[in-house]
Amino acid sequence: MSIINKEIKLIDAVKMFLGGKQTLEKWVAAYKQEGKAGLISKSTILA
């Protein structure tokens, strides 16, 4: 949320996030598109 609210820059968050820049960018984009639902892993959803 800090990135979304522009309290911290993505580049600064990457320094603290062990998952990598691409993953963080993907999560931010998913959250912007779908809100919290966008953060739920699609690969773990059972049909």
N, C-alpha and C. Protein backbone atom coordinates (compact mmCIF):
# COMPACT_ATOMS: atom_id res chain seq x y z
N MET A 1 0.82 -1.20 0.00
CA MET A 1 0.00 0.00 0.00
C MET A 1 0.86 1.26 0.00
N SER A 2 2.01 1.17 0.60
CA SER A 2 2.87 2.35 0.65
C SER A 2 3.29 2.79 -0.75
N ILE A 3 3.46 1.84 -1.65
CA ILE A 3 3.81 2.19 -3.03
C ILE A 3 2.60 2.81 -3.72
N ILE A 4 1.45 2.21 -3.54
CA ILE A 4 0.22 2.71 -4.15
C ILE A 4 -0.08 4.12 -3.66
N ASN A 5 0.11 4.37 -2.38
CA ASN A 5 -0.16 5.68 -1.79
C ASN A 5 0.97 6.68 -1.99
N LYS A 6 1.99 6.25 -2.73
CA LYS A 6 3.16 7.08 -3.05
C LYS A 6 3.90 7.56 -1.80
N GLU A 7 3.88 6.72 -0.75
CA GLU A 7 4.64 7.00 0.46
C GLU A 7 6.07 6.52 0.31
N ILE A 8 6.27 5.57 -0.60
CA ILE A 8 7.59 5.02 -0.88
C ILE A 8 7.67 4.72 -2.37
N LYS A 9 8.83 4.94 -2.95
CA LYS A 9 9.02 4.65 -4.37
C LYS A 9 9.27 3.17 -4.55
N LEU A 10 8.85 2.65 -5.69
CA LEU A 10 9.04 1.24 -6.01
C LEU A 10 10.50 0.88 -5.90
N ILE A 11 11.37 1.70 -6.43
CA ILE A 11 12.81 1.41 -6.43
C ILE A 11 13.36 1.28 -5.01
N ASP A 12 12.80 2.04 -4.07
CA ASP A 12 13.23 1.93 -2.68
C ASP A 12 12.65 0.68 -2.02
N ALA A 13 11.43 0.32 -2.38
CA ALA A 13 10.80 -0.89 -1.83
C ALA A 13 11.54 -2.14 -2.30
N VAL A 14 12.04 -2.11 -3.53
CA VAL A 14 12.77 -3.26 -4.07
C VAL A 14 13.99 -3.58 -3.22
N LYS A 15 14.60 -2.57 -2.65
CA LYS A 15 15.80 -2.78 -1.82
C LYS A 15 15.48 -3.60 -0.57
N MET A 16 14.23 -3.55 -0.12
CA MET A 16 13.83 -4.26 1.09
C MET A 16 13.07 -5.55 0.80
N PHE A 17 12.69 -5.75 -0.47
CA PHE A 17 11.86 -6.89 -0.86
C PHE A 17 12.73 -7.95 -1.51
N LEU A 18 12.76 -9.13 -0.95
CA LEU A 18 13.62 -10.20 -1.45
C LEU A 18 13.07 -10.89 -2.70
N GLY A 19 11.83 -10.61 -3.06
CA GLY A 19 11.20 -11.28 -4.19
C GLY A 19 11.62 -10.76 -5.55
N GLY A 20 12.26 -9.62 -5.62
CA GLY A 20 12.72 -9.08 -6.89
C GLY A 20 11.82 -7.99 -7.44
N LYS A 21 12.39 -7.18 -8.29
CA LYS A 21 11.69 -6.02 -8.86
C LYS A 21 10.50 -6.44 -9.72
N GLN A 22 10.68 -7.44 -10.57
CA GLN A 22 9.59 -7.86 -11.46
C GLN A 22 8.38 -8.35 -10.68
N THR A 23 8.62 -9.10 -9.63
CA THR A 23 7.51 -9.60 -8.82
C THR A 23 6.77 -8.45 -8.15
N LEU A 24 7.52 -7.51 -7.61
CA LEU A 24 6.90 -6.36 -6.95
C LEU A 24 6.10 -5.53 -7.95
N GLU A 25 6.64 -5.31 -9.14
CA GLU A 25 5.92 -4.57 -10.17
C GLU A 25 4.64 -5.29 -10.57
N LYS A 26 4.71 -6.61 -10.67
CA LYS A 26 3.55 -7.43 -11.01
C LYS A 26 2.47 -7.30 -9.94
N TRP A 27 2.87 -7.36 -8.67
CA TRP A 27 1.91 -7.24 -7.58
C TRP A 27 1.26 -5.86 -7.54
N VAL A 28 2.05 -4.82 -7.76
CA VAL A 28 1.51 -3.46 -7.76
C VAL A 28 0.50 -3.31 -8.89
N ALA A 29 0.84 -3.80 -10.08
CA ALA A 29 -0.08 -3.72 -11.22
C ALA A 29 -1.36 -4.49 -10.95
N ALA A 30 -1.23 -5.69 -10.37
CA ALA A 30 -2.41 -6.51 -10.06
C ALA A 30 -3.30 -5.82 -9.04
N TYR A 31 -2.69 -5.19 -8.04
CA TYR A 31 -3.47 -4.49 -7.02
C TYR A 31 -4.19 -3.29 -7.62
N LYS A 32 -3.51 -2.57 -8.49
CA LYS A 32 -4.13 -1.40 -9.13
C LYS A 32 -5.32 -1.81 -9.99
N GLN A 33 -5.23 -2.96 -10.64
CA GLN A 33 -6.30 -3.43 -11.52
C GLN A 33 -7.47 -4.03 -10.76
N GLU A 34 -7.18 -4.86 -9.75
CA GLU A 34 -8.23 -5.65 -9.11
C GLU A 34 -8.36 -5.47 -7.60
N GLY A 35 -7.55 -4.59 -7.03
CA GLY A 35 -7.58 -4.43 -5.58
C GLY A 35 -7.00 -5.66 -4.90
N LYS A 36 -7.44 -5.95 -3.69
CA LYS A 36 -6.90 -7.08 -2.94
C LYS A 36 -7.08 -8.41 -3.67
N ALA A 37 -8.16 -8.52 -4.44
CA ALA A 37 -8.41 -9.77 -5.19
C ALA A 37 -7.30 -10.04 -6.19
N GLY A 38 -6.65 -9.01 -6.68
CA GLY A 38 -5.56 -9.18 -7.62
C GLY A 38 -4.32 -9.79 -7.01
N LEU A 39 -4.24 -9.81 -5.70
CA LEU A 39 -3.07 -10.35 -5.02
C LEU A 39 -3.21 -11.84 -4.70
N ILE A 40 -4.38 -12.39 -4.93
CA ILE A 40 -4.60 -13.82 -4.69
C ILE A 40 -3.97 -14.59 -5.85
N SER A 41 -3.14 -15.53 -5.52
CA SER A 41 -2.47 -16.33 -6.54
C SER A 41 -3.47 -17.10 -7.38
N LYS A 42 -3.40 -16.91 -8.67
CA LYS A 42 -4.32 -17.62 -9.58
C LYS A 42 -3.95 -19.09 -9.69
N SER A 43 -2.69 -19.44 -9.44
CA SER A 43 -2.25 -20.83 -9.59
C SER A 43 -2.69 -21.71 -8.43
N THR A 44 -3.13 -21.11 -7.33
CA THR A 44 -3.53 -21.92 -6.18
C THR A 44 -5.04 -22.00 -6.00
N ILE A 45 -5.78 -21.36 -6.90
CA ILE A 45 -7.24 -21.40 -6.82
C ILE A 45 -7.73 -22.74 -7.36
N LEU A 46 -8.52 -23.41 -6.56
CA LEU A 46 -9.06 -24.71 -6.99
C LEU A 46 -10.36 -24.49 -7.73
N ALA A 47 -10.56 -25.24 -8.77
CA ALA A 47 -11.78 -25.12 -9.57
C ALA A 47 -12.92 -25.90 -8.95
